[in-house]
Amino acid sequence: MQKMKSLGNISYSGSLSTDENDEEDISRMAISTIQAKEEEIERKKMEVREKVELQLGRAEEETKRLAQIWEELEVLSDPTRKEVAMVRKKIDMANRELKPLGQSCHKKEREYKEALEAFNEKNKEKAQLVTTLMELLTESERLRMKKLEELNNILRSAKVDQ
């Protein structure tokens, strides 16, 4: 084609129009070839799309079938699932109830220990006071006995003098 163009340009005769016709034919052929290839591509694209849609349909059916099998497997694997769930729920409720009771128990235990400690301290204080009282009474009795003996001695010496 390049050769034809150069020949057509040199001669400037009637061959120029033949070259233009050839070029138009070549352009038409190229366009029709491109169109044919486009149509072929579109046809193959449609074939692939149909195959994909067919496989998607099969995949959806398979997914449904697997879901049914899964449900049957779940029921089969744990026939006491509801009972287990109910017992677990009761355990959770018992745990929730135990927590504040445990806290209350610890608080009261702490209060008991504090009260017992205060009681023991007061008991020791009382014991010390009782000991002190006994010492004071013993000392008081000793002093009174001493005084009585002195008085008795005074009386004896006054009797003797008489």
C-alpha atoms as a PDB file:
ATOM      1  CA  MET A   1       0.000   0.000   0.000  1.00  0.00           C
ATOM      2  CA  GLN A   2       2.868   2.337   0.778  1.00  0.00           C
ATOM      3  CA  LYS A   3       4.307   1.537  -2.606  1.00  0.00           C
ATOM      4  CA  MET A   4       1.055   2.438  -4.247  1.00  0.00           C
ATOM      5  CA  LYS A   5       0.898   5.776  -2.499  1.00  0.00           C
ATOM      6  CA  SER A   6       4.360   6.695  -3.614  1.00  0.00           C
ATOM      7  CA  LEU A   7       3.656   5.621  -7.196  1.00  0.00           C
ATOM      8  CA  GLY A   8       0.417   7.570  -7.204  1.00  0.00           C
ATOM      9  CA  ASN A   9       2.092  10.700  -5.961  1.00  0.00           C
ATOM     10  CA  ILE A  10       4.788  10.589  -8.622  1.00  0.00           C
ATOM     11  CA  SER A  11       2.683  10.101 -11.719  1.00  0.00           C
ATOM     12  CA  TYR A  12      -0.246  12.449 -11.058  1.00  0.00           C
ATOM     13  CA  SER A  13      -2.165  10.650 -13.671  1.00  0.00           C
ATOM     14  CA  GLY A  14      -5.330   8.527 -13.574  1.00  0.00           C
ATOM     15  CA  SER A  15      -3.602   5.990 -11.408  1.00  0.00           C
ATOM     16  CA  LEU A  16      -4.180   8.264  -8.425  1.00  0.00           C
ATOM     17  CA  SER A  17      -7.878   7.468  -8.381  1.00  0.00           C
ATOM     18  CA  THR A  18      -7.114   3.739  -8.496  1.00  0.00           C
ATOM     19  CA  ASP A  19      -4.902   4.142  -5.499  1.00  0.00           C
ATOM     20  CA  GLU A  20      -7.666   5.913  -3.651  1.00  0.00           C
ATOM     21  CA  ASN A  21     -10.117   3.119  -4.510  1.00  0.00           C
ATOM     22  CA  ASP A  22      -7.610   0.564  -3.284  1.00  0.00           C
ATOM     23  CA  GLU A  23      -7.165   2.488  -0.090  1.00  0.00           C
ATOM     24  CA  GLU A  24     -10.920   2.681   0.416  1.00  0.00           C
ATOM     25  CA  ASP A  25     -11.196  -1.056  -0.197  1.00  0.00           C
ATOM     26  CA  ILE A  26      -8.421  -1.716   2.259  1.00  0.00           C
ATOM     27  CA  SER A  27     -10.055   0.589   4.823  1.00  0.00           C
ATOM     28  CA  ARG A  28     -13.397  -1.155   4.339  1.00  0.00           C
ATOM     29  CA  MET A  29     -11.739  -4.534   4.702  1.00  0.00           C
ATOM     30  CA  ALA A  30      -9.942  -3.390   7.847  1.00  0.00           C
ATOM     31  CA  ILE A  31     -13.179  -2.007   9.287  1.00  0.00           C
ATOM     32  CA  SER A  32     -15.111  -5.161   8.473  1.00  0.00           C
ATOM     33  CA  THR A  33     -12.301  -7.275   9.934  1.00  0.00           C
ATOM     34  CA  ILE A  34     -12.359  -5.178  13.101  1.00  0.00           C
ATOM     35  CA  GLN A  35     -16.150  -5.453  13.253  1.00  0.00           C
ATOM     36  CA  ALA A  36     -15.946  -9.213  12.768  1.00  0.00           C
ATOM     37  CA  LYS A  37     -13.411  -9.450  15.563  1.00  0.00           C
ATOM     38  CA  GLU A  38     -15.593  -7.245  17.787  1.00  0.00           C
ATOM     39  CA  GLU A  39     -18.582  -9.512  17.067  1.00  0.00           C
ATOM     40  CA  GLU A  40     -16.447 -12.576  17.820  1.00  0.00           C
ATOM     41  CA  ILE A  41     -15.312 -11.017  21.097  1.00  0.00           C
ATOM     42  CA  GLU A  42     -18.917 -10.138  21.992  1.00  0.00           C
ATOM     43  CA  ARG A  43     -20.062 -13.684  21.155  1.00  0.00           C
ATOM     44  CA  LYS A  44     -17.320 -15.229  23.305  1.00  0.00           C
ATOM     45  CA  LYS A  45     -18.115 -12.777  26.068  1.00  0.00           C
ATOM     46  CA  MET A  46     -21.750 -13.895  26.009  1.00  0.00           C
ATOM     47  CA  GLU A  47     -20.686 -17.564  26.079  1.00  0.00           C
ATOM     48  CA  VAL A  48     -18.483 -16.924  29.105  1.00  0.00           C
ATOM     49  CA  ARG A  49     -21.276 -14.957  30.798  1.00  0.00           C
ATOM     50  CA  GLU A  50     -23.708 -17.863  30.222  1.00  0.00           C
ATOM     51  CA  LYS A  51     -21.200 -20.339  31.630  1.00  0.00           C
ATOM     52  CA  VAL A  52     -20.606 -18.129  34.694  1.00  0.00           C
ATOM     53  CA  GLU A  53     -24.358 -17.732  35.276  1.00  0.00           C
ATOM     54  CA  LEU A  54     -24.796 -21.489  34.960  1.00  0.00           C
ATOM     55  CA  GLN A  55     -22.028 -22.104  37.494  1.00  0.00           C
ATOM     56  CA  LEU A  56     -23.458 -19.441  39.815  1.00  0.00           C
ATOM     57  CA  GLY A  57     -26.825 -21.201  39.696  1.00  0.00           C
ATOM     58  CA  ARG A  58     -25.151 -24.500  40.552  1.00  0.00           C
ATOM     59  CA  ALA A  59     -23.203 -22.816  43.347  1.00  0.00           C
ATOM     60  CA  GLU A  60     -26.418 -21.355  44.799  1.00  0.00           C
ATOM     61  CA  GLU A  61     -28.088 -24.765  44.694  1.00  0.00           C
ATOM     62  CA  GLU A  62     -25.040 -26.321  46.340  1.00  0.00           C
ATOM     63  CA  THR A  63     -25.021 -23.601  49.003  1.00  0.00           C
ATOM     64  CA  LYS A  64     -28.674 -24.293  49.820  1.00  0.00           C
ATOM     65  CA  ARG A  65     -27.994 -28.021  49.980  1.00  0.00           C
ATOM     66  CA  LEU A  66     -24.976 -27.492  52.262  1.00  0.00           C
ATOM     67  CA  ALA A  67     -27.033 -25.194  54.528  1.00  0.00           C
ATOM     68  CA  GLN A  68     -29.673 -27.911  54.906  1.00  0.00           C
ATOM     69  CA  ILE A  69     -27.003 -30.489  55.681  1.00  0.00           C
ATOM     70  CA  TRP A  70     -25.452 -28.075  58.217  1.00  0.00           C
ATOM     71  CA  GLU A  71     -28.804 -27.621  59.985  1.00  0.00           C
ATOM     72  CA  GLU A  72     -29.324 -31.384  60.144  1.00  0.00           C
ATOM     73  CA  LEU A  73     -25.787 -31.785  61.470  1.00  0.00           C
ATOM     74  CA  GLU A  74     -26.387 -29.175  64.183  1.00  0.00           C
ATOM     75  CA  VAL A  75     -29.548 -30.939  65.359  1.00  0.00           C
ATOM     76  CA  LEU A  76     -27.828 -34.286  65.209  1.00  0.00           C
ATOM     77  CA  SER A  77     -24.684 -33.185  67.040  1.00  0.00           C
ATOM     78  CA  ASP A  78     -26.438 -31.916  70.160  1.00  0.00           C
ATOM     79  CA  PRO A  79     -29.958 -33.170  70.814  1.00  0.00           C
ATOM     80  CA  THR A  80     -29.861 -31.755  74.362  1.00  0.00           C
ATOM     81  CA  ARG A  81     -28.689 -28.332  73.221  1.00  0.00           C
ATOM     82  CA  LYS A  82     -31.773 -26.540  74.580  1.00  0.00           C
ATOM     83  CA  GLU A  83     -31.457 -28.179  77.976  1.00  0.00           C
ATOM     84  CA  VAL A  84     -27.736 -27.383  78.100  1.00  0.00           C
ATOM     85  CA  ALA A  85     -28.425 -23.773  77.137  1.00  0.00           C
ATOM     86  CA  MET A  86     -31.093 -23.494  79.845  1.00  0.00           C
ATOM     87  CA  VAL A  87     -28.786 -24.940  82.513  1.00  0.00           C
ATOM     88  CA  ARG A  88     -25.989 -22.589  81.422  1.00  0.00           C
ATOM     89  CA  LYS A  89     -28.383 -19.655  81.662  1.00  0.00           C
ATOM     90  CA  LYS A  90     -29.344 -20.716  85.192  1.00  0.00           C
ATOM     91  CA  ILE A  91     -25.673 -21.015  86.126  1.00  0.00           C
ATOM     92  CA  ASP A  92     -25.064 -17.494  84.802  1.00  0.00           C
ATOM     93  CA  MET A  93     -28.018 -16.200  86.831  1.00  0.00           C
ATOM     94  CA  ALA A  94     -26.715 -17.964  89.961  1.00  0.00           C
ATOM     95  CA  ASN A  95     -23.287 -16.393  89.383  1.00  0.00           C
ATOM     96  CA  ARG A  96     -24.884 -12.947  89.078  1.00  0.00           C
ATOM     97  CA  GLU A  97     -26.787 -13.535  92.334  1.00  0.00           C
ATOM     98  CA  LEU A  98     -23.693 -14.911  94.082  1.00  0.00           C
ATOM     99  CA  LYS A  99     -21.543 -11.883  93.367  1.00  0.00           C
ATOM    100  CA  PRO A 100     -23.460  -9.381  95.557  1.00  0.00           C
ATOM    101  CA  LEU A 101     -24.012 -12.056  98.203  1.00  0.00           C
ATOM    102  CA  GLY A 102     -20.280 -12.747  98.287  1.00  0.00           C
ATOM    103  CA  GLN A 103     -19.553  -9.046  98.575  1.00  0.00           C
ATOM    104  CA  SER A 104     -22.087  -8.734 101.396  1.00  0.00           C
ATOM    105  CA  CYS A 105     -20.578 -11.772 103.133  1.00  0.00           C
ATOM    106  CA  HIS A 106     -17.069 -10.315 102.916  1.00  0.00           C
ATOM    107  CA  LYS A 107     -18.316  -6.954 104.202  1.00  0.00           C
ATOM    108  CA  LYS A 108     -20.103  -8.552 107.157  1.00  0.00           C
ATOM    109  CA  GLU A 109     -17.111 -10.782 107.833  1.00  0.00           C
ATOM    110  CA  ARG A 110     -14.896  -7.679 107.939  1.00  0.00           C
ATOM    111  CA  GLU A 111     -17.413  -5.938 110.224  1.00  0.00           C
ATOM    112  CA  TYR A 112     -17.505  -9.048 112.446  1.00  0.00           C
ATOM    113  CA  LYS A 113     -13.709  -9.106 112.699  1.00  0.00           C
ATOM    114  CA  GLU A 114     -13.669  -5.404 113.563  1.00  0.00           C
ATOM    115  CA  ALA A 115     -16.400  -5.875 116.197  1.00  0.00           C
ATOM    116  CA  LEU A 116     -14.596  -8.932 117.641  1.00  0.00           C
ATOM    117  CA  GLU A 117     -11.352  -6.987 117.807  1.00  0.00           C
ATOM    118  CA  ALA A 118     -13.108  -4.077 119.569  1.00  0.00           C
ATOM    119  CA  PHE A 119     -14.799  -6.568 121.946  1.00  0.00           C
ATOM    120  CA  ASN A 120     -11.465  -8.225 122.765  1.00  0.00           C
ATOM    121  CA  GLU A 121      -9.818  -4.844 123.379  1.00  0.00           C
ATOM    122  CA  LYS A 122     -12.620  -3.780 125.735  1.00  0.00           C
ATOM    123  CA  ASN A 123     -12.418  -7.165 127.461  1.00  0.00           C
ATOM    124  CA  LYS A 124      -8.660  -6.688 128.017  1.00  0.00           C
ATOM    125  CA  GLU A 125      -9.300  -3.154 129.293  1.00  0.00           C
ATOM    126  CA  LYS A 126     -11.938  -4.500 131.702  1.00  0.00           C
ATOM    127  CA  ALA A 127      -9.569  -7.239 132.880  1.00  0.00           C
ATOM    128  CA  GLN A 128      -6.869  -4.624 133.531  1.00  0.00           C
ATOM    129  CA  LEU A 129      -9.371  -2.458 135.407  1.00  0.00           C
ATOM    130  CA  VAL A 130     -10.511  -5.451 137.487  1.00  0.00           C
ATOM    131  CA  THR A 131      -6.877  -6.251 138.275  1.00  0.00           C
ATOM    132  CA  THR A 132      -6.252  -2.630 139.255  1.00  0.00           C
ATOM    133  CA  LEU A 133      -9.414  -2.653 141.411  1.00  0.00           C
ATOM    134  CA  MET A 134      -8.322  -5.845 143.144  1.00  0.00           C
ATOM    135  CA  GLU A 135      -4.895  -4.340 143.818  1.00  0.00           C
ATOM    136  CA  LEU A 136      -6.511  -1.170 145.187  1.00  0.00           C
ATOM    137  CA  LEU A 137      -8.883  -3.172 147.409  1.00  0.00           C
ATOM    138  CA  THR A 138      -6.053  -5.336 148.656  1.00  0.00           C
ATOM    139  CA  GLU A 139      -3.970  -2.249 149.397  1.00  0.00           C
ATOM    140  CA  SER A 140      -6.953  -0.576 151.072  1.00  0.00           C
ATOM    141  CA  GLU A 141      -7.582  -3.657 153.243  1.00  0.00           C
ATOM    142  CA  ARG A 142      -3.901  -3.831 154.162  1.00  0.00           C
ATOM    143  CA  LEU A 143      -3.879  -0.141 155.094  1.00  0.00           C
ATOM    144  CA  ARG A 144      -7.095  -0.519 157.135  1.00  0.00           C
ATOM    145  CA  MET A 145      -5.711  -3.604 158.887  1.00  0.00           C
ATOM    146  CA  LYS A 146      -2.540  -1.692 159.654  1.00  0.00           C
ATOM    147  CA  LYS A 147      -4.571   1.227 161.003  1.00  0.00           C
ATOM    148  CA  LEU A 148      -6.706  -1.172 163.059  1.00  0.00           C
ATOM    149  CA  GLU A 149      -3.594  -2.793 164.491  1.00  0.00           C
ATOM    150  CA  GLU A 150      -2.196   0.634 165.366  1.00  0.00           C
ATOM    151  CA  LEU A 151      -5.468   1.554 167.061  1.00  0.00           C
ATOM    152  CA  ASN A 152      -5.519  -1.806 168.776  1.00  0.00           C
ATOM    153  CA  ASN A 153      -1.943  -1.270 169.961  1.00  0.00           C
ATOM    154  CA  ILE A 154      -2.881   2.191 171.218  1.00  0.00           C
ATOM    155  CA  LEU A 155      -5.784   0.684 173.101  1.00  0.00           C
ATOM    156  CA  ARG A 156      -3.608  -2.037 174.573  1.00  0.00           C
ATOM    157  CA  SER A 157      -0.991   0.386 175.680  1.00  0.00           C
ATOM    158  CA  ALA A 158      -3.693   2.568 177.253  1.00  0.00           C
ATOM    159  CA  LYS A 159      -5.067  -0.462 179.136  1.00  0.00           C
ATOM    160  CA  VAL A 160      -1.679  -1.402 180.313  1.00  0.00           C
ATOM    161  CA  ASP A 161      -1.150   2.145 181.585  1.00  0.00           C
ATOM    162  CA  GLN A 162      -4.280   2.002 183.510  1.00  0.00           C
END
